[in-house]
All heavy atoms as atom14 arrays in JSON, in Angstrom:
{
  "sequence": "PAPAGRLEYDEVKEYSFLEDLLVSRRVNLAYIVTLVCCTISIALAL",
  "atom14_mask": [
    [1, 1, 1, 1, 1, 1, 1, 0, 0, 0, 0, 0, 0, 0],
    [1, 1, 1, 1, 1, 0, 0, 0, 0, 0, 0, 0, 0, 0],
    [1, 1, 1, 1, 1, 1, 1, 0, 0, 0, 0, 0, 0, 0],
    [1, 1, 1, 1, 1, 0, 0, 0, 0, 0, 0, 0, 0, 0],
    [1, 1, 1, 1, 0, 0, 0, 0, 0, 0, 0, 0, 0, 0],
    [1, 1, 1, 1, 1, 1, 1, 1, 1, 1, 1, 0, 0, 0],
    [1, 1, 1, 1, 1, 1, 1, 1, 0, 0, 0, 0, 0, 0],
    [1, 1, 1, 1, 1, 1, 1, 1, 1, 0, 0, 0, 0, 0],
    [1, 1, 1, 1, 1, 1, 1, 1, 1, 1, 1, 1, 0, 0],
    [1, 1, 1, 1, 1, 1, 1, 1, 0, 0, 0, 0, 0, 0],
    [1, 1, 1, 1, 1, 1, 1, 1, 1, 0, 0, 0, 0, 0],
    [1, 1, 1, 1, 1, 1, 1, 0, 0, 0, 0, 0, 0, 0],
    [1, 1, 1, 1, 1, 1, 1, 1, 1, 0, 0, 0, 0, 0],
    [1, 1, 1, 1, 1, 1, 1, 1, 1, 0, 0, 0, 0, 0],
    [1, 1, 1, 1, 1, 1, 1, 1, 1, 1, 1, 1, 0, 0],
    [1, 1, 1, 1, 1, 1, 0, 0, 0, 0, 0, 0, 0, 0],
    [1, 1, 1, 1, 1, 1, 1, 1, 1, 1, 1, 0, 0, 0],
    [1, 1, 1, 1, 1, 1, 1, 1, 0, 0, 0, 0, 0, 0],
    [1, 1, 1, 1, 1, 1, 1, 1, 1, 0, 0, 0, 0, 0],
    [1, 1, 1, 1, 1, 1, 1, 1, 0, 0, 0, 0, 0, 0],
    [1, 1, 1, 1, 1, 1, 1, 1, 0, 0, 0, 0, 0, 0],
    [1, 1, 1, 1, 1, 1, 1, 1, 0, 0, 0, 0, 0, 0],
    [1, 1, 1, 1, 1, 1, 1, 0, 0, 0, 0, 0, 0, 0],
    [1, 1, 1, 1, 1, 1, 0, 0, 0, 0, 0, 0, 0, 0],
    [1, 1, 1, 1, 1, 1, 1, 1, 1, 1, 1, 0, 0, 0],
    [1, 1, 1, 1, 1, 1, 1, 1, 1, 1, 1, 0, 0, 0],
    [1, 1, 1, 1, 1, 1, 1, 0, 0, 0, 0, 0, 0, 0],
    [1, 1, 1, 1, 1, 1, 1, 1, 0, 0, 0, 0, 0, 0],
    [1, 1, 1, 1, 1, 1, 1, 1, 0, 0, 0, 0, 0, 0],
    [1, 1, 1, 1, 1, 0, 0, 0, 0, 0, 0, 0, 0, 0],
    [1, 1, 1, 1, 1, 1, 1, 1, 1, 1, 1, 1, 0, 0],
    [1, 1, 1, 1, 1, 1, 1, 1, 0, 0, 0, 0, 0, 0],
    [1, 1, 1, 1, 1, 1, 1, 0, 0, 0, 0, 0, 0, 0],
    [1, 1, 1, 1, 1, 1, 1, 0, 0, 0, 0, 0, 0, 0],
    [1, 1, 1, 1, 1, 1, 1, 1, 0, 0, 0, 0, 0, 0],
    [1, 1, 1, 1, 1, 1, 1, 0, 0, 0, 0, 0, 0, 0],
    [1, 1, 1, 1, 1, 1, 0, 0, 0, 0, 0, 0, 0, 0],
    [1, 1, 1, 1, 1, 1, 0, 0, 0, 0, 0, 0, 0, 0],
    [1, 1, 1, 1, 1, 1, 1, 0, 0, 0, 0, 0, 0, 0],
    [1, 1, 1, 1, 1, 1, 1, 1, 0, 0, 0, 0, 0, 0],
    [1, 1, 1, 1, 1, 1, 0, 0, 0, 0, 0, 0, 0, 0],
    [1, 1, 1, 1, 1, 1, 1, 1, 0, 0, 0, 0, 0, 0],
    [1, 1, 1, 1, 1, 0, 0, 0, 0, 0, 0, 0, 0, 0],
    [1, 1, 1, 1, 1, 1, 1, 1, 0, 0, 0, 0, 0, 0],
    [1, 1, 1, 1, 1, 0, 0, 0, 0, 0, 0, 0, 0, 0],
    [1, 1, 1, 1, 1, 1, 1, 1, 0, 0, 0, 0, 0, 0]
  ],
  "atom14_positions": [
    [[-142.41, 13.76, 111.43], [-142.95, 14.24, 110.23], [-141.83, 14.6, 109.24], [-140.82, 14.99, 109.42], [-143.78, 15.52, 110.6], [-143.17, 16.01, 111.85], [-142.55, 14.74, 112.57], [0.0, 0.0, 0.0], [0.0, 0.0, 0.0], [0.0, 0.0, 0.0], [0.0, 0.0, 0.0], [0.0, 0.0, 0.0], [0.0, 0.0, 0.0], [0.0, 0.0, 0.0]],
    [[-142.42, 14.52, 107.98], [-141.56, 14.96, 106.81], [-141.63, 16.49, 106.64], [-142.46, 17.05, 107.27], [-141.98, 14.25, 105.52], [0.0, 0.0, 0.0], [0.0, 0.0, 0.0], [0.0, 0.0, 0.0], [0.0, 0.0, 0.0], [0.0, 0.0, 0.0], [0.0, 0.0, 0.0], [0.0, 0.0, 0.0], [0.0, 0.0, 0.0], [0.0, 0.0, 0.0]],
    [[-140.8, 17.06, 105.91], [-140.93, 18.55, 105.64], [-142.19, 18.89, 105.17], [-142.97, 18.25, 104.42], [-139.85, 18.74, 104.61], [-138.89, 17.58, 104.79], [-139.7, 16.48, 105.09], [0.0, 0.0, 0.0], [0.0, 0.0, 0.0], [0.0, 0.0, 0.0], [0.0, 0.0, 0.0], [0.0, 0.0, 0.0], [0.0, 0.0, 0.0], [0.0, 0.0, 0.0]],
    [[-142.65, 20.17, 105.64], [-143.99, 20.61, 105.32], [-144.05, 21.03, 103.77], [-143.11, 21.2, 103.25], [-144.3, 21.86, 106.08], [0.0, 0.0, 0.0], [0.0, 0.0, 0.0], [0.0, 0.0, 0.0], [0.0, 0.0, 0.0], [0.0, 0.0, 0.0], [0.0, 0.0, 0.0], [0.0, 0.0, 0.0], [0.0, 0.0, 0.0], [0.0, 0.0, 0.0]],
    [[-145.35, 21.1, 103.37], [-145.61, 21.53, 101.96], [-146.96, 20.76, 101.51], [-147.13, 19.68, 101.86], [0.0, 0.0, 0.0], [0.0, 0.0, 0.0], [0.0, 0.0, 0.0], [0.0, 0.0, 0.0], [0.0, 0.0, 0.0], [0.0, 0.0, 0.0], [0.0, 0.0, 0.0], [0.0, 0.0, 0.0], [0.0, 0.0, 0.0], [0.0, 0.0, 0.0]],
    [[-147.75, 21.52, 100.79], [-148.94, 20.93, 100.36], [-148.87, 19.85, 99.41], [-148.04, 19.83, 98.42], [-149.78, 22.06, 99.72], [-151.24, 21.7, 99.34], [-152.12, 21.42, 100.48], [-153.38, 20.93, 100.07], [-154.3, 20.56, 100.94], [-154.06, 20.43, 102.26], [-155.54, 20.22, 100.54], [0.0, 0.0, 0.0], [0.0, 0.0, 0.0], [0.0, 0.0, 0.0]],
    [[-149.54, 18.75, 99.6], [-149.53, 17.6, 98.64], [-150.21, 17.98, 97.46], [-151.46, 18.24, 97.43], [-150.12, 16.34, 99.33], [-149.27, 15.65, 100.36], [-150.06, 14.53, 101.04], [-147.97, 15.09, 99.87], [0.0, 0.0, 0.0], [0.0, 0.0, 0.0], [0.0, 0.0, 0.0], [0.0, 0.0, 0.0], [0.0, 0.0, 0.0], [0.0, 0.0, 0.0]],
    [[-149.56, 17.86, 96.31], [-150.23, 18.12, 94.95], [-149.8, 16.99, 93.94], [-148.68, 16.45, 94.16], [-149.82, 19.49, 94.49], [-150.15, 20.73, 95.28], [-151.65, 20.84, 95.32], [-152.45, 20.42, 94.37], [-152.22, 21.62, 96.22], [0.0, 0.0, 0.0], [0.0, 0.0, 0.0], [0.0, 0.0, 0.0], [0.0, 0.0, 0.0], [0.0, 0.0, 0.0]],
    [[-150.64, 16.74, 93.07], [-150.3, 15.7, 92.07], [-151.28, 15.92, 90.86], [-152.29, 16.45, 90.92], [-150.38, 14.38, 92.55], [-151.86, 13.81, 92.98], [-152.69, 13.29, 92.01], [-152.39, 14.09, 94.2], [-153.86, 12.81, 92.39], [-153.58, 13.8, 94.48], [-154.32, 13.1, 93.67], [-155.66, 12.77, 94.0], [0.0, 0.0, 0.0], [0.0, 0.0, 0.0]],
    [[-150.77, 15.53, 89.75], [-151.59, 15.61, 88.49], [-152.32, 14.36, 88.27], [-151.82, 13.24, 88.5], [-150.64, 15.88, 87.32], [-149.88, 17.24, 87.29], [-150.58, 18.07, 87.83], [-148.81, 17.29, 86.86], [0.0, 0.0, 0.0], [0.0, 0.0, 0.0], [0.0, 0.0, 0.0], [0.0, 0.0, 0.0], [0.0, 0.0, 0.0], [0.0, 0.0, 0.0]],
    [[-153.63, 14.52, 88.12], [-154.5, 13.37, 87.95], [-154.22, 12.75, 86.49], [-154.21, 13.48, 85.53], [-155.91, 13.71, 88.14], [-156.86, 12.54, 88.08], [-158.33, 12.91, 88.53], [-158.49, 14.05, 88.69], [-159.11, 11.99, 88.65], [0.0, 0.0, 0.0], [0.0, 0.0, 0.0], [0.0, 0.0, 0.0], [0.0, 0.0, 0.0], [0.0, 0.0, 0.0]],
    [[-154.07, 11.37, 86.4], [-153.94, 10.78, 85.09], [-155.35, 10.42, 84.6], [-156.11, 9.68, 85.19], [-153.04, 9.44, 85.32], [-152.95, 8.78, 83.86], [-151.72, 9.91, 85.77], [0.0, 0.0, 0.0], [0.0, 0.0, 0.0], [0.0, 0.0, 0.0], [0.0, 0.0, 0.0], [0.0, 0.0, 0.0], [0.0, 0.0, 0.0], [0.0, 0.0, 0.0]],
    [[-155.67, 10.88, 83.5], [-156.97, 10.61, 82.82], [-156.85, 9.58, 81.78], [-155.83, 9.43, 81.16], [-157.54, 11.93, 82.31], [-158.03, 12.85, 83.52], [-158.76, 14.11, 82.81], [-159.28, 14.97, 83.94], [-160.04, 16.14, 83.36], [0.0, 0.0, 0.0], [0.0, 0.0, 0.0], [0.0, 0.0, 0.0], [0.0, 0.0, 0.0], [0.0, 0.0, 0.0]],
    [[-158.0, 8.93, 81.57], [-158.12, 7.9, 80.52], [-158.0, 8.59, 79.12], [-158.64, 9.59, 78.89], [-159.51, 7.13, 80.6], [-159.55, 5.98, 79.68], [-158.86, 4.78, 80.25], [-158.65, 4.77, 81.42], [-158.5, 3.82, 79.49], [0.0, 0.0, 0.0], [0.0, 0.0, 0.0], [0.0, 0.0, 0.0], [0.0, 0.0, 0.0], [0.0, 0.0, 0.0]],
    [[-157.15, 8.1, 78.29], [-156.92, 8.6, 77.0], [-158.06, 8.42, 76.04], [-158.71, 7.2, 76.09], [-155.66, 8.01, 76.27], [-155.43, 8.3, 74.89], [-155.11, 9.61, 74.52], [-155.54, 7.38, 73.92], [-154.9, 9.97, 73.26], [-155.29, 7.72, 72.57], [-155.05, 9.0, 72.21], [-154.8, 9.3, 70.91], [0.0, 0.0, 0.0], [0.0, 0.0, 0.0]],
    [[-158.6, 9.47, 75.44], [-159.89, 9.32, 74.62], [-159.7, 9.74, 73.16], [-159.1, 10.96, 72.94], [-160.94, 10.14, 75.27], [-162.05, 10.26, 74.49], [0.0, 0.0, 0.0], [0.0, 0.0, 0.0], [0.0, 0.0, 0.0], [0.0, 0.0, 0.0], [0.0, 0.0, 0.0], [0.0, 0.0, 0.0], [0.0, 0.0, 0.0], [0.0, 0.0, 0.0]],
    [[-160.04, 8.99, 72.31], [-160.03, 9.38, 70.83], [-161.03, 10.53, 70.57], [-160.73, 11.4, 69.75], [-160.45, 8.21, 69.95], [-159.28, 7.14, 69.63], [-158.14, 7.28, 70.43], [-159.53, 6.18, 68.88], [-157.16, 6.3, 70.26], [-158.49, 5.17, 68.59], [-157.38, 5.31, 69.34], [0.0, 0.0, 0.0], [0.0, 0.0, 0.0], [0.0, 0.0, 0.0]],
    [[-162.13, 10.4, 71.31], [-163.2, 11.52, 71.07], [-162.58, 12.93, 71.38], [-162.81, 13.9, 70.63], [-164.38, 11.2, 71.94], [-165.57, 12.2, 71.82], [-166.08, 12.29, 70.47], [-166.61, 11.88, 72.84], [0.0, 0.0, 0.0], [0.0, 0.0, 0.0], [0.0, 0.0, 0.0], [0.0, 0.0, 0.0], [0.0, 0.0, 0.0], [0.0, 0.0, 0.0]],
    [[-161.93, 13.02, 72.4], [-161.37, 14.42, 72.8], [-160.29, 14.76, 71.86], [-160.08, 15.98, 71.49], [-160.81, 14.3, 74.17], [-161.99, 14.21, 75.21], [-161.49, 13.82, 76.65], [-160.55, 12.97, 76.72], [-161.98, 14.35, 77.64], [0.0, 0.0, 0.0], [0.0, 0.0, 0.0], [0.0, 0.0, 0.0], [0.0, 0.0, 0.0], [0.0, 0.0, 0.0]],
    [[-159.65, 13.74, 71.26], [-158.6, 14.12, 70.24], [-159.29, 14.76, 68.95], [-158.77, 15.64, 68.32], [-157.86, 12.89, 69.72], [-156.56, 12.63, 70.56], [-156.29, 13.54, 71.57], [-155.87, 11.73, 70.4], [0.0, 0.0, 0.0], [0.0, 0.0, 0.0], [0.0, 0.0, 0.0], [0.0, 0.0, 0.0], [0.0, 0.0, 0.0], [0.0, 0.0, 0.0]],
    [[-160.41, 14.09, 68.54], [-161.14, 14.6, 67.34], [-161.72, 15.98, 67.61], [-161.68, 16.8, 66.71], [-162.27, 13.57, 67.12], [-161.95, 12.19, 66.64], [-163.15, 11.35, 66.53], [-161.36, 12.22, 65.33], [0.0, 0.0, 0.0], [0.0, 0.0, 0.0], [0.0, 0.0, 0.0], [0.0, 0.0, 0.0], [0.0, 0.0, 0.0], [0.0, 0.0, 0.0]],
    [[-162.12, 16.32, 68.82], [-162.67, 17.54, 69.1], [-161.7, 18.72, 69.04], [-162.09, 19.86, 68.7], [-163.41, 17.54, 70.46], [-164.71, 16.65, 70.62], [-165.16, 16.64, 71.97], [-165.76, 17.05, 69.63], [0.0, 0.0, 0.0], [0.0, 0.0, 0.0], [0.0, 0.0, 0.0], [0.0, 0.0, 0.0], [0.0, 0.0, 0.0], [0.0, 0.0, 0.0]],
    [[-160.48, 18.44, 69.3], [-159.48, 19.49, 69.34], [-158.51, 19.47, 67.96], [-157.81, 20.36, 67.79], [-158.44, 19.28, 70.53], [-159.23, 19.48, 71.7], [-157.68, 18.07, 70.45], [0.0, 0.0, 0.0], [0.0, 0.0, 0.0], [0.0, 0.0, 0.0], [0.0, 0.0, 0.0], [0.0, 0.0, 0.0], [0.0, 0.0, 0.0], [0.0, 0.0, 0.0]],
    [[-158.76, 18.39, 67.17], [-157.97, 18.28, 65.99], [-158.41, 19.33, 64.94], [-159.61, 19.52, 64.83], [-158.15, 16.86, 65.4], [-157.36, 16.83, 64.11], [0.0, 0.0, 0.0], [0.0, 0.0, 0.0], [0.0, 0.0, 0.0], [0.0, 0.0, 0.0], [0.0, 0.0, 0.0], [0.0, 0.0, 0.0], [0.0, 0.0, 0.0], [0.0, 0.0, 0.0]],
    [[-157.47, 19.97, 64.22], [-157.9, 20.98, 63.22], [-157.46, 20.5, 61.82], [-157.66, 21.22, 60.86], [-157.12, 22.23, 63.58], [-157.43, 22.85, 64.92], [-156.93, 24.16, 65.08], [-157.18, 24.81, 66.39], [-156.92, 25.97, 66.75], [-156.3, 26.82, 65.97], [-157.24, 26.49, 67.94], [0.0, 0.0, 0.0], [0.0, 0.0, 0.0], [0.0, 0.0, 0.0]],
    [[-157.03, 19.22, 61.73], [-156.64, 18.78, 60.43], [-157.44, 17.53, 60.07], [-157.48, 16.68, 60.88], [-155.13, 18.41, 60.41], [-154.3, 19.64, 60.45], [-152.8, 19.26, 60.41], [-152.51, 18.58, 59.14], [-151.42, 17.82, 58.81], [-150.44, 17.78, 59.85], [-151.2, 17.31, 57.76], [0.0, 0.0, 0.0], [0.0, 0.0, 0.0], [0.0, 0.0, 0.0]],
    [[-158.09, 17.36, 58.9], [-158.78, 16.26, 58.47], [-157.94, 15.52, 57.56], [-157.74, 15.86, 56.34], [-160.09, 16.63, 57.77], [-160.83, 15.39, 57.35], [-160.99, 17.31, 58.7], [0.0, 0.0, 0.0], [0.0, 0.0, 0.0], [0.0, 0.0, 0.0], [0.0, 0.0, 0.0], [0.0, 0.0, 0.0], [0.0, 0.0, 0.0], [0.0, 0.0, 0.0]],
    [[-157.2, 14.48, 58.05], [-156.33, 13.59, 57.25], [-156.69, 12.15, 57.48], [-157.78, 11.84, 58.09], [-154.93, 13.85, 57.55], [-154.61, 13.93, 59.04], [-155.4, 13.23, 59.79], [-153.56, 14.49, 59.54], [0.0, 0.0, 0.0], [0.0, 0.0, 0.0], [0.0, 0.0, 0.0], [0.0, 0.0, 0.0], [0.0, 0.0, 0.0], [0.0, 0.0, 0.0]],
    [[-155.85, 11.16, 56.98], [-156.12, 9.86, 57.11], [-156.17, 9.34, 58.54], [-156.99, 8.59, 58.93], [-154.97, 9.0, 56.42], [-155.33, 7.55, 56.27], [-156.57, 7.22, 55.58], [-154.09, 6.9, 55.54], [0.0, 0.0, 0.0], [0.0, 0.0, 0.0], [0.0, 0.0, 0.0], [0.0, 0.0, 0.0], [0.0, 0.0, 0.0], [0.0, 0.0, 0.0]],
    [[-155.26, 9.95, 59.33], [-155.19, 9.59, 60.79], [-156.59, 10.11, 61.46], [-157.11, 9.37, 62.33], [-154.08, 10.22, 61.5], [0.0, 0.0, 0.0], [0.0, 0.0, 0.0], [0.0, 0.0, 0.0], [0.0, 0.0, 0.0], [0.0, 0.0, 0.0], [0.0, 0.0, 0.0], [0.0, 0.0, 0.0], [0.0, 0.0, 0.0], [0.0, 0.0, 0.0]],
    [[-157.09, 11.2, 61.07], [-158.28, 11.72, 61.65], [-159.47, 10.85, 61.32], [-160.36, 10.48, 62.08], [-158.57, 13.16, 61.06], [-159.89, 13.81, 61.56], [-159.92, 14.59, 62.64], [-161.03, 13.56, 60.9], [-161.04, 15.18, 63.19], [-162.21, 14.15, 61.34], [-162.16, 14.96, 62.57], [-163.35, 15.49, 62.92], [0.0, 0.0, 0.0], [0.0, 0.0, 0.0]],
    [[-159.5, 10.3, 59.98], [-160.62, 9.41, 59.53], [-160.56, 8.17, 60.3], [-161.5, 7.64, 60.7], [-160.47, 9.21, 57.98], [-160.65, 10.57, 57.29], [-161.51, 8.18, 57.54], [-160.45, 10.47, 55.79], [0.0, 0.0, 0.0], [0.0, 0.0, 0.0], [0.0, 0.0, 0.0], [0.0, 0.0, 0.0], [0.0, 0.0, 0.0], [0.0, 0.0, 0.0]],
    [[-159.39, 7.57, 60.44], [-159.23, 6.26, 61.16], [-159.66, 6.45, 62.63], [-160.45, 5.62, 63.2], [-157.77, 5.71, 61.1], [-157.65, 4.56, 62.02], [-157.43, 5.35, 59.71], [0.0, 0.0, 0.0], [0.0, 0.0, 0.0], [0.0, 0.0, 0.0], [0.0, 0.0, 0.0], [0.0, 0.0, 0.0], [0.0, 0.0, 0.0], [0.0, 0.0, 0.0]],
    [[-159.24, 7.63, 63.26], [-159.6, 7.91, 64.61], [-161.17, 8.01, 64.76], [-161.72, 7.52, 65.64], [-158.99, 9.2, 65.19], [-157.6, 9.02, 65.05], [-159.32, 9.32, 66.6], [0.0, 0.0, 0.0], [0.0, 0.0, 0.0], [0.0, 0.0, 0.0], [0.0, 0.0, 0.0], [0.0, 0.0, 0.0], [0.0, 0.0, 0.0], [0.0, 0.0, 0.0]],
    [[-161.71, 8.75, 63.76], [-163.21, 8.86, 63.69], [-163.9, 7.58, 63.59], [-164.9, 7.38, 64.29], [-163.61, 9.81, 62.6], [-165.05, 10.1, 62.41], [-165.65, 10.76, 63.68], [-165.29, 10.99, 61.1], [0.0, 0.0, 0.0], [0.0, 0.0, 0.0], [0.0, 0.0, 0.0], [0.0, 0.0, 0.0], [0.0, 0.0, 0.0], [0.0, 0.0, 0.0]],
    [[-163.44, 6.69, 62.67], [-164.05, 5.35, 62.57], [-163.96, 4.53, 63.86], [-164.9, 3.94, 64.41], [-163.39, 4.56, 61.35], [-163.82, 3.18, 61.37], [-163.72, 5.25, 60.07], [0.0, 0.0, 0.0], [0.0, 0.0, 0.0], [0.0, 0.0, 0.0], [0.0, 0.0, 0.0], [0.0, 0.0, 0.0], [0.0, 0.0, 0.0], [0.0, 0.0, 0.0]],
    [[-162.76, 4.63, 64.56], [-162.56, 3.83, 65.76], [-163.46, 4.36, 66.9], [-164.07, 3.53, 67.6], [-161.15, 3.83, 66.22], [-159.95, 2.93, 65.03], [0.0, 0.0, 0.0], [0.0, 0.0, 0.0], [0.0, 0.0, 0.0], [0.0, 0.0, 0.0], [0.0, 0.0, 0.0], [0.0, 0.0, 0.0], [0.0, 0.0, 0.0], [0.0, 0.0, 0.0]],
    [[-163.52, 5.64, 66.92], [-164.31, 6.24, 68.04], [-165.78, 6.02, 67.76], [-166.52, 5.72, 68.75], [-164.11, 7.83, 67.93], [-165.04, 8.71, 69.13], [0.0, 0.0, 0.0], [0.0, 0.0, 0.0], [0.0, 0.0, 0.0], [0.0, 0.0, 0.0], [0.0, 0.0, 0.0], [0.0, 0.0, 0.0], [0.0, 0.0, 0.0], [0.0, 0.0, 0.0]],
    [[-166.27, 6.06, 66.51], [-167.66, 5.86, 66.22], [-168.1, 4.43, 66.53], [-169.21, 4.22, 67.19], [-167.98, 6.16, 64.75], [-167.62, 7.53, 64.4], [-169.46, 6.02, 64.48], [0.0, 0.0, 0.0], [0.0, 0.0, 0.0], [0.0, 0.0, 0.0], [0.0, 0.0, 0.0], [0.0, 0.0, 0.0], [0.0, 0.0, 0.0], [0.0, 0.0, 0.0]],
    [[-167.33, 3.49, 66.04], [-167.75, 2.1, 66.29], [-167.62, 1.72, 67.7], [-168.47, 0.86, 68.35], [-167.02, 1.1, 65.36], [-165.52, 1.15, 65.63], [-167.26, 1.4, 63.8], [-164.75, 0.11, 64.77], [0.0, 0.0, 0.0], [0.0, 0.0, 0.0], [0.0, 0.0, 0.0], [0.0, 0.0, 0.0], [0.0, 0.0, 0.0], [0.0, 0.0, 0.0]],
    [[-166.75, 2.3, 68.46], [-166.58, 2.1, 69.86], [-167.8, 2.5, 70.67], [-168.39, 1.76, 71.47], [-165.38, 2.69, 70.5], [-164.05, 2.12, 69.89], [0.0, 0.0, 0.0], [0.0, 0.0, 0.0], [0.0, 0.0, 0.0], [0.0, 0.0, 0.0], [0.0, 0.0, 0.0], [0.0, 0.0, 0.0], [0.0, 0.0, 0.0], [0.0, 0.0, 0.0]],
    [[-168.12, 3.78, 70.39], [-169.33, 4.27, 71.17], [-170.62, 3.59, 70.71], [-171.42, 3.28, 71.53], [-169.51, 5.78, 70.78], [-168.33, 6.64, 71.48], [-170.75, 6.37, 71.33], [-168.21, 8.03, 71.04], [0.0, 0.0, 0.0], [0.0, 0.0, 0.0], [0.0, 0.0, 0.0], [0.0, 0.0, 0.0], [0.0, 0.0, 0.0], [0.0, 0.0, 0.0]],
    [[-170.72, 3.21, 69.4], [-171.82, 2.46, 68.9], [-172.01, 1.1, 69.59], [-173.09, 0.72, 70.0], [-171.86, 2.38, 67.4], [0.0, 0.0, 0.0], [0.0, 0.0, 0.0], [0.0, 0.0, 0.0], [0.0, 0.0, 0.0], [0.0, 0.0, 0.0], [0.0, 0.0, 0.0], [0.0, 0.0, 0.0], [0.0, 0.0, 0.0], [0.0, 0.0, 0.0]],
    [[-170.77, 0.5, 69.81], [-170.8, -0.86, 70.44], [-171.25, -0.72, 71.89], [-171.97, -1.48, 72.47], [-169.5, -1.52, 70.37], [-169.41, -3.02, 70.81], [-170.32, -3.92, 70.0], [-167.99, -3.44, 70.89], [0.0, 0.0, 0.0], [0.0, 0.0, 0.0], [0.0, 0.0, 0.0], [0.0, 0.0, 0.0], [0.0, 0.0, 0.0], [0.0, 0.0, 0.0]],
    [[-170.75, 0.32, 72.62], [-171.17, 0.52, 73.91], [-172.62, 0.71, 74.17], [-173.25, 0.09, 75.02], [-170.4, 1.74, 74.53], [0.0, 0.0, 0.0], [0.0, 0.0, 0.0], [0.0, 0.0, 0.0], [0.0, 0.0, 0.0], [0.0, 0.0, 0.0], [0.0, 0.0, 0.0], [0.0, 0.0, 0.0], [0.0, 0.0, 0.0], [0.0, 0.0, 0.0]],
    [[-173.18, 1.51, 73.27], [-174.66, 1.79, 73.12], [-175.42, 0.51, 72.95], [-176.51, 0.19, 73.51], [-175.01, 2.81, 72.35], [-174.44, 4.3, 72.7], [-174.61, 5.25, 71.54], [-175.01, 4.82, 74.04], [0.0, 0.0, 0.0], [0.0, 0.0, 0.0], [0.0, 0.0, 0.0], [0.0, 0.0, 0.0], [0.0, 0.0, 0.0], [0.0, 0.0, 0.0]]
  ]
}
């Protein structure tokens, strides 16, 4: 056996524009473009 110790790791999550929008506090051009991309992506999925 290898040296003891609990196996731990950080889970890699899928990057989401929606979560960026929810935590963003500035409404600028990047925010608007992200909002448009997020909206049309969700709309296309539905």
